[in-house]
Amino acid sequence: MIDFTFAGFTIPKGWKAFWTTHSTHKNPKYFPNPKKFDTSRFEGNGPAPYTFMPFGVDLGCVLYTQLQVLSFIHNLMIKFKWEKLFPNEEITYRPLPSVENGLPIRLLPHST
């Protein structure tokens, strides 16, 4: 192992580098207005490769996993009303997104 410099920062020998999806997912360079919930980001060709990696790899690498997750979330969205148990709970970043109480929710079945 050796010391190395990356983007103007010197990383000493033996240090561990830590990357989070948050550093990419919330980067306005890749996602304009990153805090806005905007499903249109995923229309057409979707985000550039290696910019949206919820599973730690580009979604093109895990096509069927993506399909399963989208199907699961779709069903949760259409079959249940979501209710946050702590509506004013804030998200903090240290360095990963975190909430004090774990963001508990209640899923209420929609009436048929």
PDB file of N, CA and C in Angstrom:
ATOM      1  N   MET A   1       0.840  -1.178   0.000  1.00  0.00           N
ATOM      2  CA  MET A   1       0.000   0.000   0.000  1.00  0.00           C
ATOM      3  C   MET A   1       0.885   1.241   0.000  1.00  0.00           C
ATOM      4  N   ILE A   2       0.331   2.301  -0.593  1.00  0.00           N
ATOM      5  CA  ILE A   2       1.065   3.563  -0.666  1.00  0.00           C
ATOM      6  C   ILE A   2       0.092   4.720  -0.443  1.00  0.00           C
ATOM      7  N   ASP A   3       0.640   5.892  -0.076  1.00  0.00           N
ATOM      8  CA  ASP A   3      -0.164   7.110  -0.060  1.00  0.00           C
ATOM      9  C   ASP A   3      -0.544   7.423  -1.505  1.00  0.00           C
ATOM     10  N   PHE A   4      -1.729   8.019  -1.709  1.00  0.00           N
ATOM     11  CA  PHE A   4      -2.078   8.464  -3.056  1.00  0.00           C
ATOM     12  C   PHE A   4      -2.940   9.707  -2.970  1.00  0.00           C
ATOM     13  N   THR A   5      -2.988  10.434  -4.079  1.00  0.00           N
ATOM     14  CA  THR A   5      -3.775  11.661  -4.145  1.00  0.00           C
ATOM     15  C   THR A   5      -4.915  11.458  -5.126  1.00  0.00           C
ATOM     16  N   PHE A   6      -6.102  11.874  -4.709  1.00  0.00           N
ATOM     17  CA  PHE A   6      -7.295  11.772  -5.556  1.00  0.00           C
ATOM     18  C   PHE A   6      -8.084  13.063  -5.403  1.00  0.00           C
ATOM     19  N   ALA A   7      -8.370  13.708  -6.519  1.00  0.00           N
ATOM     20  CA  ALA A   7      -9.155  14.949  -6.549  1.00  0.00           C
ATOM     21  C   ALA A   7      -8.591  15.990  -5.574  1.00  0.00           C
ATOM     22  N   GLY A   8      -7.263  16.037  -5.480  1.00  0.00           N
ATOM     23  CA  GLY A   8      -6.624  17.021  -4.623  1.00  0.00           C
ATOM     24  C   GLY A   8      -6.500  16.621  -3.159  1.00  0.00           C
ATOM     25  N   PHE A   9      -6.984  15.444  -2.800  1.00  0.00           N
ATOM     26  CA  PHE A   9      -6.903  14.965  -1.420  1.00  0.00           C
ATOM     27  C   PHE A   9      -5.873  13.846  -1.337  1.00  0.00           C
ATOM     28  N   THR A  10      -5.001  13.924  -0.346  1.00  0.00           N
ATOM     29  CA  THR A  10      -4.024  12.861  -0.128  1.00  0.00           C
ATOM     30  C   THR A  10      -4.614  11.839   0.828  1.00  0.00           C
ATOM     31  N   ILE A  11      -4.639  10.588   0.398  1.00  0.00           N
ATOM     32  CA  ILE A  11      -5.147   9.482   1.204  1.00  0.00           C
ATOM     33  C   ILE A  11      -3.931   8.725   1.730  1.00  0.00           C
ATOM     34  N   PRO A  12      -3.692   8.780   3.045  1.00  0.00           N
ATOM     35  CA  PRO A  12      -2.514   8.109   3.600  1.00  0.00           C
ATOM     36  C   PRO A  12      -2.604   6.587   3.489  1.00  0.00           C
ATOM     37  N   LYS A  13      -1.472   5.971   3.361  1.00  0.00           N
ATOM     38  CA  LYS A  13      -1.367   4.506   3.344  1.00  0.00           C
ATOM     39  C   LYS A  13      -2.109   3.939   4.561  1.00  0.00           C
ATOM     40  N   GLY A  14      -2.937   2.933   4.330  1.00  0.00           N
ATOM     41  CA  GLY A  14      -3.648   2.273   5.420  1.00  0.00           C
ATOM     42  C   GLY A  14      -5.022   2.841   5.720  1.00  0.00           C
ATOM     43  N   TRP A  15      -5.329   4.036   5.212  1.00  0.00           N
ATOM     44  CA  TRP A  15      -6.661   4.602   5.444  1.00  0.00           C
ATOM     45  C   TRP A  15      -7.678   3.873   4.588  1.00  0.00           C
ATOM     46  N   LYS A  16      -8.905   3.910   5.011  1.00  0.00           N
ATOM     47  CA  LYS A  16      -9.986   3.301   4.247  1.00  0.00           C
ATOM     48  C   LYS A  16     -10.792   4.396   3.558  1.00  0.00           C
ATOM     49  N   ALA A  17     -11.083   4.194   2.295  1.00  0.00           N
ATOM     50  CA  ALA A  17     -11.936   5.118   1.556  1.00  0.00           C
ATOM     51  C   ALA A  17     -13.366   4.603   1.644  1.00  0.00           C
ATOM     52  N   PHE A  18     -14.313   5.520   1.745  1.00  0.00           N
ATOM     53  CA  PHE A  18     -15.710   5.136   1.912  1.00  0.00           C
ATOM     54  C   PHE A  18     -16.559   5.907   0.925  1.00  0.00           C
ATOM     55  N   TRP A  19     -17.261   5.212   0.071  1.00  0.00           N
ATOM     56  CA  TRP A  19     -18.164   5.828  -0.897  1.00  0.00           C
ATOM     57  C   TRP A  19     -19.587   5.457  -0.513  1.00  0.00           C
ATOM     58  N   THR A  20     -20.500   6.399  -0.668  1.00  0.00           N
ATOM     59  CA  THR A  20     -21.907   6.102  -0.416  1.00  0.00           C
ATOM     60  C   THR A  20     -22.718   6.444  -1.657  1.00  0.00           C
ATOM     61  N   THR A  21     -23.831   5.766  -1.816  1.00  0.00           N
ATOM     62  CA  THR A  21     -24.714   6.086  -2.937  1.00  0.00           C
ATOM     63  C   THR A  21     -25.221   7.518  -2.807  1.00  0.00           C
ATOM     64  N   HIS A  22     -25.342   8.003  -1.587  1.00  0.00           N
ATOM     65  CA  HIS A  22     -25.828   9.360  -1.358  1.00  0.00           C
ATOM     66  C   HIS A  22     -24.962  10.391  -2.077  1.00  0.00           C
ATOM     67  N   SER A  23     -23.652  10.175  -2.091  1.00  0.00           N
ATOM     68  CA  SER A  23     -22.756  11.139  -2.728  1.00  0.00           C
ATOM     69  C   SER A  23     -23.022  11.260  -4.226  1.00  0.00           C
ATOM     70  N   THR A  24     -23.553  10.233  -4.835  1.00  0.00           N
ATOM     71  CA  THR A  24     -23.893  10.272  -6.255  1.00  0.00           C
ATOM     72  C   THR A  24     -25.366  10.610  -6.451  1.00  0.00           C
ATOM     73  N   HIS A  25     -26.237   9.955  -5.707  1.00  0.00           N
ATOM     74  CA  HIS A  25     -27.684  10.136  -5.884  1.00  0.00           C
ATOM     75  C   HIS A  25     -28.138  11.563  -5.596  1.00  0.00           C
ATOM     76  N   LYS A  26     -27.459  12.264  -4.710  1.00  0.00           N
ATOM     77  CA  LYS A  26     -27.840  13.638  -4.352  1.00  0.00           C
ATOM     78  C   LYS A  26     -26.966  14.684  -5.033  1.00  0.00           C
ATOM     79  N   ASN A  27     -26.200  14.283  -6.037  1.00  0.00           N
ATOM     80  CA  ASN A  27     -25.301  15.197  -6.731  1.00  0.00           C
ATOM     81  C   ASN A  27     -26.053  15.893  -7.866  1.00  0.00           C
ATOM     82  N   PRO A  28     -26.225  17.235  -7.795  1.00  0.00           N
ATOM     83  CA  PRO A  28     -26.958  17.942  -8.847  1.00  0.00           C
ATOM     84  C   PRO A  28     -26.307  17.833 -10.225  1.00  0.00           C
ATOM     85  N   LYS A  29     -25.037  17.451 -10.274  1.00  0.00           N
ATOM     86  CA  LYS A  29     -24.371  17.227 -11.566  1.00  0.00           C
ATOM     87  C   LYS A  29     -25.074  16.098 -12.326  1.00  0.00           C
ATOM     88  N   TYR A  30     -25.547  15.088 -11.591  1.00  0.00           N
ATOM     89  CA  TYR A  30     -26.195  13.938 -12.214  1.00  0.00           C
ATOM     90  C   TYR A  30     -27.723  14.010 -12.137  1.00  0.00           C
ATOM     91  N   PHE A  31     -28.232  14.603 -11.065  1.00  0.00           N
ATOM     92  CA  PHE A  31     -29.679  14.684 -10.845  1.00  0.00           C
ATOM     93  C   PHE A  31     -30.054  16.113 -10.468  1.00  0.00           C
ATOM     94  N   PRO A  32     -30.446  16.939 -11.463  1.00  0.00           N
ATOM     95  CA  PRO A  32     -30.835  18.316 -11.139  1.00  0.00           C
ATOM     96  C   PRO A  32     -31.934  18.322 -10.076  1.00  0.00           C
ATOM     97  N   ASN A  33     -31.828  19.260  -9.148  1.00  0.00           N
ATOM     98  CA  ASN A  33     -32.779  19.371  -8.042  1.00  0.00           C
ATOM     99  C   ASN A  33     -32.922  18.016  -7.341  1.00  0.00           C
ATOM    100  N   PRO A  34     -31.820  17.474  -6.799  1.00  0.00           N
ATOM    101  CA  PRO A  34     -31.787  16.095  -6.314  1.00  0.00           C
ATOM    102  C   PRO A  34     -32.721  15.776  -5.154  1.00  0.00           C
ATOM    103  N   LYS A  35     -33.162  16.769  -4.399  1.00  0.00           N
ATOM    104  CA  LYS A  35     -34.049  16.489  -3.265  1.00  0.00           C
ATOM    105  C   LYS A  35     -35.509  16.360  -3.689  1.00  0.00           C
ATOM    106  N   LYS A  36     -35.794  16.705  -4.945  1.00  0.00           N
ATOM    107  CA  LYS A  36     -37.166  16.624  -5.440  1.00  0.00           C
ATOM    108  C   LYS A  36     -37.474  15.190  -5.892  1.00  0.00           C
ATOM    109  N   PHE A  37     -38.630  14.679  -5.481  1.00  0.00           N
ATOM    110  CA  PHE A  37     -39.077  13.360  -5.940  1.00  0.00           C
ATOM    111  C   PHE A  37     -39.552  13.520  -7.379  1.00  0.00           C
ATOM    112  N   ASP A  38     -38.819  12.956  -8.316  1.00  0.00           N
ATOM    113  CA  ASP A  38     -39.107  13.156  -9.736  1.00  0.00           C
ATOM    114  C   ASP A  38     -38.917  11.846 -10.488  1.00  0.00           C
ATOM    115  N   THR A  39     -40.005  11.123 -10.677  1.00  0.00           N
ATOM    116  CA  THR A  39     -39.919   9.824 -11.347  1.00  0.00           C
ATOM    117  C   THR A  39     -39.540   9.949 -12.816  1.00  0.00           C
ATOM    118  N   SER A  40     -39.703  11.139 -13.407  1.00  0.00           N
ATOM    119  CA  SER A  40     -39.361  11.299 -14.825  1.00  0.00           C
ATOM    120  C   SER A  40     -37.857  11.122 -15.064  1.00  0.00           C
ATOM    121  N   ARG A  41     -37.054  11.169 -14.011  1.00  0.00           N
ATOM    122  CA  ARG A  41     -35.608  10.937 -14.164  1.00  0.00           C
ATOM    123  C   ARG A  41     -35.321   9.552 -14.736  1.00  0.00           C
ATOM    124  N   PHE A  42     -36.263   8.632 -14.554  1.00  0.00           N
ATOM    125  CA  PHE A  42     -36.045   7.246 -14.937  1.00  0.00           C
ATOM    126  C   PHE A  42     -36.751   6.874 -16.240  1.00  0.00           C
ATOM    127  N   GLU A  43     -37.335   7.864 -16.912  1.00  0.00           N
ATOM    128  CA  GLU A  43     -37.988   7.608 -18.193  1.00  0.00           C
ATOM    129  C   GLU A  43     -36.941   7.555 -19.301  1.00  0.00           C
ATOM    130  N   GLY A  44     -37.323   6.954 -20.409  1.00  0.00           N
ATOM    131  CA  GLY A  44     -36.398   6.861 -21.542  1.00  0.00           C
ATOM    132  C   GLY A  44     -35.188   6.031 -21.177  1.00  0.00           C
ATOM    133  N   ASN A  45     -34.006   6.585 -21.406  1.00  0.00           N
ATOM    134  CA  ASN A  45     -32.771   5.869 -21.084  1.00  0.00           C
ATOM    135  C   ASN A  45     -32.427   5.926 -19.600  1.00  0.00           C
ATOM    136  N   GLY A  46     -33.116   6.785 -18.844  1.00  0.00           N
ATOM    137  CA  GLY A  46     -32.858   6.888 -17.413  1.00  0.00           C
ATOM    138  C   GLY A  46     -31.534   7.569 -17.120  1.00  0.00           C
ATOM    139  N   PRO A  47     -31.079   7.470 -15.873  1.00  0.00           N
ATOM    140  CA  PRO A  47     -29.827   8.126 -15.482  1.00  0.00           C
ATOM    141  C   PRO A  47     -28.623   7.543 -16.227  1.00  0.00           C
ATOM    142  N   ALA A  48     -27.572   8.347 -16.294  1.00  0.00           N
ATOM    143  CA  ALA A  48     -26.328   7.878 -16.915  1.00  0.00           C
ATOM    144  C   ALA A  48     -25.803   6.664 -16.150  1.00  0.00           C
ATOM    145  N   PRO A  49     -25.109   5.763 -16.833  1.00  0.00           N
ATOM    146  CA  PRO A  49     -24.566   4.577 -16.153  1.00  0.00           C
ATOM    147  C   PRO A  49     -23.743   4.951 -14.915  1.00  0.00           C
ATOM    148  N   TYR A  50     -23.887   4.158 -13.882  1.00  0.00           N
ATOM    149  CA  TYR A  50     -23.140   4.278 -12.626  1.00  0.00           C
ATOM    150  C   TYR A  50     -23.440   5.554 -11.842  1.00  0.00           C
ATOM    151  N   THR A  51     -24.596   6.193 -12.104  1.00  0.00           N
ATOM    152  CA  THR A  51     -24.985   7.347 -11.294  1.00  0.00           C
ATOM    153  C   THR A  51     -26.123   7.001 -10.343  1.00  0.00           C
ATOM    154  N   PHE A  52     -26.929   6.000 -10.660  1.00  0.00           N
ATOM    155  CA  PHE A  52     -27.988   5.539  -9.755  1.00  0.00           C
ATOM    156  C   PHE A  52     -27.710   4.082  -9.440  1.00  0.00           C
ATOM    157  N   MET A  53     -27.260   3.829  -8.215  1.00  0.00           N
ATOM    158  CA  MET A  53     -26.821   2.483  -7.845  1.00  0.00           C
ATOM    159  C   MET A  53     -27.377   2.078  -6.483  1.00  0.00           C
ATOM    160  N   PRO A  54     -28.685   1.877  -6.376  1.00  0.00           N
ATOM    161  CA  PRO A  54     -29.267   1.556  -5.070  1.00  0.00           C
ATOM    162  C   PRO A  54     -28.805   0.222  -4.504  1.00  0.00           C
ATOM    163  N   PHE A  55     -28.283  -0.660  -5.327  1.00  0.00           N
ATOM    164  CA  PHE A  55     -27.813  -1.961  -4.849  1.00  0.00           C
ATOM    165  C   PHE A  55     -26.292  -2.031  -4.820  1.00  0.00           C
ATOM    166  N   GLY A  56     -25.636  -0.880  -4.988  1.00  0.00           N
ATOM    167  CA  GLY A  56     -24.182  -0.850  -4.972  1.00  0.00           C
ATOM    168  C   GLY A  56     -23.559  -1.127  -6.327  1.00  0.00           C
ATOM    169  N   VAL A  57     -24.379  -1.460  -7.323  1.00  0.00           N
ATOM    170  CA  VAL A  57     -23.917  -1.643  -8.700  1.00  0.00           C
ATOM    171  C   VAL A  57     -24.934  -0.990  -9.614  1.00  0.00           C
ATOM    172  N   ASP A  58     -24.520  -0.717 -10.830  1.00  0.00           N
ATOM    173  CA  ASP A  58     -25.417  -0.105 -11.798  1.00  0.00           C
ATOM    174  C   ASP A  58     -26.611  -1.019 -12.051  1.00  0.00           C
ATOM    175  N   LEU A  59     -27.788  -0.429 -12.195  1.00  0.00           N
ATOM    176  CA  LEU A  59     -28.993  -1.238 -12.371  1.00  0.00           C
ATOM    177  C   LEU A  59     -28.960  -2.102 -13.622  1.00  0.00           C
ATOM    178  N   GLY A  60     -28.178  -1.717 -14.620  1.00  0.00           N
ATOM    179  CA  GLY A  60     -28.069  -2.565 -15.795  1.00  0.00           C
ATOM    180  C   GLY A  60     -27.490  -3.927 -15.462  1.00  0.00           C
ATOM    181  N   CYS A  61     -26.726  -3.993 -14.374  1.00  0.00           N
ATOM    182  CA  CYS A  61     -26.123  -5.262 -13.949  1.00  0.00           C
ATOM    183  C   CYS A  61     -27.118  -6.153 -13.232  1.00  0.00           C
ATOM    184  N   VAL A  62     -28.186  -5.573 -12.777  1.00  0.00           N
ATOM    185  CA  VAL A  62     -29.137  -6.337 -11.966  1.00  0.00           C
ATOM    186  C   VAL A  62     -30.560  -6.109 -12.482  1.00  0.00           C
ATOM    187  N   LEU A  63     -30.740  -6.321 -13.774  1.00  0.00           N
ATOM    188  CA  LEU A  63     -32.012  -6.025 -14.420  1.00  0.00           C
ATOM    189  C   LEU A  63     -33.188  -6.706 -13.732  1.00  0.00           C
ATOM    190  N   TYR A  64     -33.078  -7.979 -13.433  1.00  0.00           N
ATOM    191  CA  TYR A  64     -34.211  -8.686 -12.845  1.00  0.00           C
ATOM    192  C   TYR A  64     -34.426  -8.284 -11.393  1.00  0.00           C
ATOM    193  N   THR A  65     -33.362  -7.937 -10.702  1.00  0.00           N
ATOM    194  CA  THR A  65     -33.518  -7.411  -9.348  1.00  0.00           C
ATOM    195  C   THR A  65     -34.282  -6.100  -9.408  1.00  0.00           C
ATOM    196  N   GLN A  66     -33.942  -5.253 -10.366  1.00  0.00           N
ATOM    197  CA  GLN A  66     -34.643  -3.985 -10.534  1.00  0.00           C
ATOM    198  C   GLN A  66     -36.118  -4.242 -10.804  1.00  0.00           C
ATOM    199  N   LEU A  67     -36.422  -5.187 -11.669  1.00  0.00           N
ATOM    200  CA  LEU A  67     -37.809  -5.504 -11.992  1.00  0.00           C
ATOM    201  C   LEU A  67     -38.562  -5.993 -10.758  1.00  0.00           C
ATOM    202  N   GLN A  68     -37.929  -6.844  -9.969  1.00  0.00           N
ATOM    203  CA  GLN A  68     -38.563  -7.340  -8.746  1.00  0.00           C
ATOM    204  C   GLN A  68     -38.830  -6.208  -7.767  1.00  0.00           C
ATOM    205  N   VAL A  69     -37.848  -5.355  -7.560  1.00  0.00           N
ATOM    206  CA  VAL A  69     -38.009  -4.257  -6.612  1.00  0.00           C
ATOM    207  C   VAL A  69     -39.086  -3.295  -7.091  1.00  0.00           C
ATOM    208  N   LEU A  70     -39.069  -2.944  -8.368  1.00  0.00           N
ATOM    209  CA  LEU A  70     -40.089  -2.040  -8.897  1.00  0.00           C
ATOM    210  C   LEU A  70     -41.479  -2.639  -8.790  1.00  0.00           C
ATOM    211  N   SER A  71     -41.613  -3.915  -9.058  1.00  0.00           N
ATOM    212  CA  SER A  71     -42.905  -4.592  -8.935  1.00  0.00           C
ATOM    213  C   SER A  71     -43.380  -4.591  -7.481  1.00  0.00           C
ATOM    214  N   PHE A  72     -42.471  -4.879  -6.565  1.00  0.00           N
ATOM    215  CA  PHE A  72     -42.803  -4.891  -5.142  1.00  0.00           C
ATOM    216  C   PHE A  72     -43.252  -3.503  -4.679  1.00  0.00           C
ATOM    217  N   ILE A  73     -42.470  -2.471  -5.014  1.00  0.00           N
ATOM    218  CA  ILE A  73     -42.811  -1.104  -4.609  1.00  0.00           C
ATOM    219  C   ILE A  73     -44.117  -0.665  -5.260  1.00  0.00           C
ATOM    220  N   HIS A  74     -44.302  -0.999  -6.529  1.00  0.00           N
ATOM    221  CA  HIS A  74     -45.545  -0.661  -7.226  1.00  0.00           C
ATOM    222  C   HIS A  74     -46.747  -1.226  -6.471  1.00  0.00           C
ATOM    223  N   ASN A  75     -46.663  -2.485  -6.082  1.00  0.00           N
ATOM    224  CA  ASN A  75     -47.772  -3.105  -5.359  1.00  0.00           C
ATOM    225  C   ASN A  75     -47.990  -2.473  -3.990  1.00  0.00           C
ATOM    226  N   LEU A  76     -46.923  -2.136  -3.300  1.00  0.00           N
ATOM    227  CA  LEU A  76     -47.081  -1.438  -2.020  1.00  0.00           C
ATOM    228  C   LEU A  76     -47.749  -0.080  -2.212  1.00  0.00           C
ATOM    229  N   MET A  77     -47.386   0.604  -3.285  1.00  0.00           N
ATOM    230  CA  MET A  77     -47.942   1.940  -3.533  1.00  0.00           C
ATOM    231  C   MET A  77     -49.425   1.888  -3.887  1.00  0.00           C
ATOM    232  N   ILE A  78     -49.827   0.919  -4.695  1.00  0.00           N
ATOM    233  CA  ILE A  78     -51.228   0.907  -5.128  1.00  0.00           C
ATOM    234  C   ILE A  78     -52.158   0.210  -4.136  1.00  0.00           C
ATOM    235  N   LYS A  79     -51.618  -0.651  -3.294  1.00  0.00           N
ATOM    236  CA  LYS A  79     -52.482  -1.412  -2.389  1.00  0.00           C
ATOM    237  C   LYS A  79     -52.570  -0.837  -0.981  1.00  0.00           C
ATOM    238  N   PHE A  80     -51.663   0.094  -0.645  1.00  0.00           N
ATOM    239  CA  PHE A  80     -51.631   0.610   0.718  1.00  0.00           C
ATOM    240  C   PHE A  80     -51.472   2.121   0.757  1.00  0.00           C
ATOM    241  N   LYS A  81     -52.043   2.712   1.791  1.00  0.00           N
ATOM    242  CA  LYS A  81     -51.762   4.107   2.132  1.00  0.00           C
ATOM    243  C   LYS A  81     -50.596   4.065   3.114  1.00  0.00           C
ATOM    244  N   TRP A  82     -49.600   4.912   2.882  1.00  0.00           N
ATOM    245  CA  TRP A  82     -48.422   4.951   3.746  1.00  0.00           C
ATOM    246  C   TRP A  82     -48.587   6.089   4.745  1.00  0.00           C
ATOM    247  N   GLU A  83     -48.297   5.806   5.998  1.00  0.00           N
ATOM    248  CA  GLU A  83     -48.412   6.822   7.039  1.00  0.00           C
ATOM    249  C   GLU A  83     -47.155   6.780   7.908  1.00  0.00           C
ATOM    250  N   LYS A  84     -46.429   7.905   7.950  1.00  0.00           N
ATOM    251  CA  LYS A  84     -45.246   7.971   8.819  1.00  0.00           C
ATOM    252  C   LYS A  84     -45.714   8.064  10.265  1.00  0.00           C
ATOM    253  N   LEU A  85     -45.116   7.279  11.143  1.00  0.00           N
ATOM    254  CA  LEU A  85     -45.501   7.326  12.548  1.00  0.00           C
ATOM    255  C   LEU A  85     -44.950   8.566  13.246  1.00  0.00           C
ATOM    256  N   PHE A  86     -43.844   9.110  12.737  1.00  0.00           N
ATOM    257  CA  PHE A  86     -43.282  10.358  13.247  1.00  0.00           C
ATOM    258  C   PHE A  86     -43.205  11.327  12.067  1.00  0.00           C
ATOM    259  N   PRO A  87     -44.303  12.036  11.762  1.00  0.00           N
ATOM    260  CA  PRO A  87     -44.377  12.839  10.532  1.00  0.00           C
ATOM    261  C   PRO A  87     -43.308  13.922  10.389  1.00  0.00           C
ATOM    262  N   ASN A  88     -42.771  14.424  11.490  1.00  0.00           N
ATOM    263  CA  ASN A  88     -41.786  15.508  11.406  1.00  0.00           C
ATOM    264  C   ASN A  88     -40.352  15.026  11.602  1.00  0.00           C
ATOM    265  N   GLU A  89     -40.152  13.725  11.541  1.00  0.00           N
ATOM    266  CA  GLU A  89     -38.814  13.173  11.728  1.00  0.00           C
ATOM    267  C   GLU A  89     -37.898  13.647  10.598  1.00  0.00           C
ATOM    268  N   GLU A  90     -36.715  14.139  10.960  1.00  0.00           N
ATOM    269  CA  GLU A  90     -35.788  14.673   9.969  1.00  0.00           C
ATOM    270  C   GLU A  90     -34.744  13.642   9.573  1.00  0.00           C
ATOM    271  N   ILE A  91     -34.273  13.775   8.344  1.00  0.00           N
ATOM    272  CA  ILE A  91     -33.192  12.927   7.840  1.00  0.00           C
ATOM    273  C   ILE A  91     -31.881  13.672   8.071  1.00  0.00           C
ATOM    274  N   THR A  92     -30.917  12.995   8.669  1.00  0.00           N
ATOM    275  CA  THR A  92     -29.580  13.562   8.836  1.00  0.00           C
ATOM    276  C   THR A  92     -28.605  12.688   8.054  1.00  0.00           C
ATOM    277  N   TYR A  93     -27.454  13.248   7.734  1.00  0.00           N
ATOM    278  CA  TYR A  93     -26.449  12.524   6.957  1.00  0.00           C
ATOM    279  C   TYR A  93     -25.169  12.454   7.771  1.00  0.00           C
ATOM    280  N   ARG A  94     -24.745  11.223   8.125  1.00  0.00           N
ATOM    281  CA  ARG A  94     -23.563  11.062   8.977  1.00  0.00           C
ATOM    282  C   ARG A  94     -22.797   9.788   8.674  1.00  0.00           C
ATOM    283  N   PRO A  95     -22.201   9.491   7.620  1.00  0.00           N
ATOM    284  CA  PRO A  95     -22.373  10.067   6.293  1.00  0.00           C
ATOM    285  C   PRO A  95     -23.562   9.469   5.546  1.00  0.00           C
ATOM    286  N   LEU A  96     -24.150   8.392   6.050  1.00  0.00           N
ATOM    287  CA  LEU A  96     -25.307   7.804   5.375  1.00  0.00           C
ATOM    288  C   LEU A  96     -26.587   8.457   5.859  1.00  0.00           C
ATOM    289  N   PRO A  97     -27.625   8.497   5.012  1.00  0.00           N
ATOM    290  CA  PRO A  97     -28.909   9.040   5.472  1.00  0.00           C
ATOM    291  C   PRO A  97     -29.404   8.239   6.676  1.00  0.00           C
ATOM    292  N   SER A  98     -29.842   8.955   7.689  1.00  0.00           N
ATOM    293  CA  SER A  98     -30.271   8.303   8.916  1.00  0.00           C
ATOM    294  C   SER A  98     -31.414   9.089   9.543  1.00  0.00           C
ATOM    295  N   VAL A  99     -32.302   8.388  10.221  1.00  0.00           N
ATOM    296  CA  VAL A  99     -33.375   9.030  10.977  1.00  0.00           C
ATOM    297  C   VAL A  99     -33.334   8.496  12.402  1.00  0.00           C
ATOM    298  N   GLU A 100     -33.652   9.355  13.340  1.00  0.00           N
ATOM    299  CA  GLU A 100     -33.521   9.014  14.759  1.00  0.00           C
ATOM    300  C   GLU A 100     -34.298   7.764  15.140  1.00  0.00           C
ATOM    301  N   ASN A 101     -35.519   7.637  14.645  1.00  0.00           N
ATOM    302  CA  ASN A 101     -36.385   6.522  15.044  1.00  0.00           C
ATOM    303  C   ASN A 101     -36.520   5.436  13.982  1.00  0.00           C
ATOM    304  N   GLY A 102     -35.701   5.499  12.936  1.00  0.00           N
ATOM    305  CA  GLY A 102     -35.731   4.455  11.918  1.00  0.00           C
ATOM    306  C   GLY A 102     -36.818   4.607  10.869  1.00  0.00           C
ATOM    307  N   LEU A 103     -37.537   5.722  10.860  1.00  0.00           N
ATOM    308  CA  LEU A 103     -38.615   6.006   9.912  1.00  0.00           C
ATOM    309  C   LEU A 103     -39.678   4.902   9.883  1.00  0.00           C
ATOM    310  N   PRO A 104     -40.273   4.603  11.024  1.00  0.00           N
ATOM    311  CA  PRO A 104     -41.335   3.586  11.025  1.00  0.00           C
ATOM    312  C   PRO A 104     -42.567   4.095  10.279  1.00  0.00           C
ATOM    313  N   ILE A 105     -43.226   3.186   9.594  1.00  0.00           N
ATOM    314  CA  ILE A 105     -44.439   3.537   8.848  1.00  0.00           C
ATOM    315  C   ILE A 105     -45.558   2.571   9.208  1.00  0.00           C
ATOM    316  N   ARG A 106     -46.757   2.998   8.902  1.00  0.00           N
ATOM    317  CA  ARG A 106     -47.927   2.134   9.029  1.00  0.00           C
ATOM    318  C   ARG A 106     -48.497   2.003   7.616  1.00  0.00           C
ATOM    319  N   LEU A 107     -48.738   0.781   7.190  1.00  0.00           N
ATOM    320  CA  LEU A 107     -49.357   0.544   5.888  1.00  0.00           C
ATOM    321  C   LEU A 107     -50.821   0.212   6.121  1.00  0.00           C
ATOM    322  N   LEU A 108     -51.679   1.016   5.538  1.00  0.00           N
ATOM    323  CA  LEU A 108     -53.116   0.821   5.691  1.00  0.00           C
ATOM    324  C   LEU A 108     -53.695   0.374   4.360  1.00  0.00           C
ATOM    325  N   PRO A 109     -54.344  -0.787   4.308  1.00  0.00           N
ATOM    326  CA  PRO A 109     -54.909  -1.261   3.038  1.00  0.00           C
ATOM    327  C   PRO A 109     -55.935  -0.271   2.498  1.00  0.00           C
ATOM    328  N   HIS A 110     -55.871  -0.039   1.190  1.00  0.00           N
ATOM    329  CA  HIS A 110     -56.898   0.787   0.551  1.00  0.00           C
ATOM    330  C   HIS A 110     -58.218   0.035   0.576  1.00  0.00           C
ATOM    331  N   SER A 111     -59.304   0.767   0.712  1.00  0.00           N
ATOM    332  CA  SER A 111     -60.625   0.130   0.642  1.00  0.00           C
ATOM    333  C   SER A 111     -60.878  -0.335  -0.778  1.00  0.00           C
ATOM    334  N   THR A 112     -61.553  -1.456  -0.920  1.00  0.00           N
ATOM    335  CA  THR A 112     -61.846  -1.957  -2.274  1.00  0.00           C
ATOM    336  C   THR A 112     -63.252  -1.625  -2.668  1.00  0.00           C
TER     337      THR A 112
END
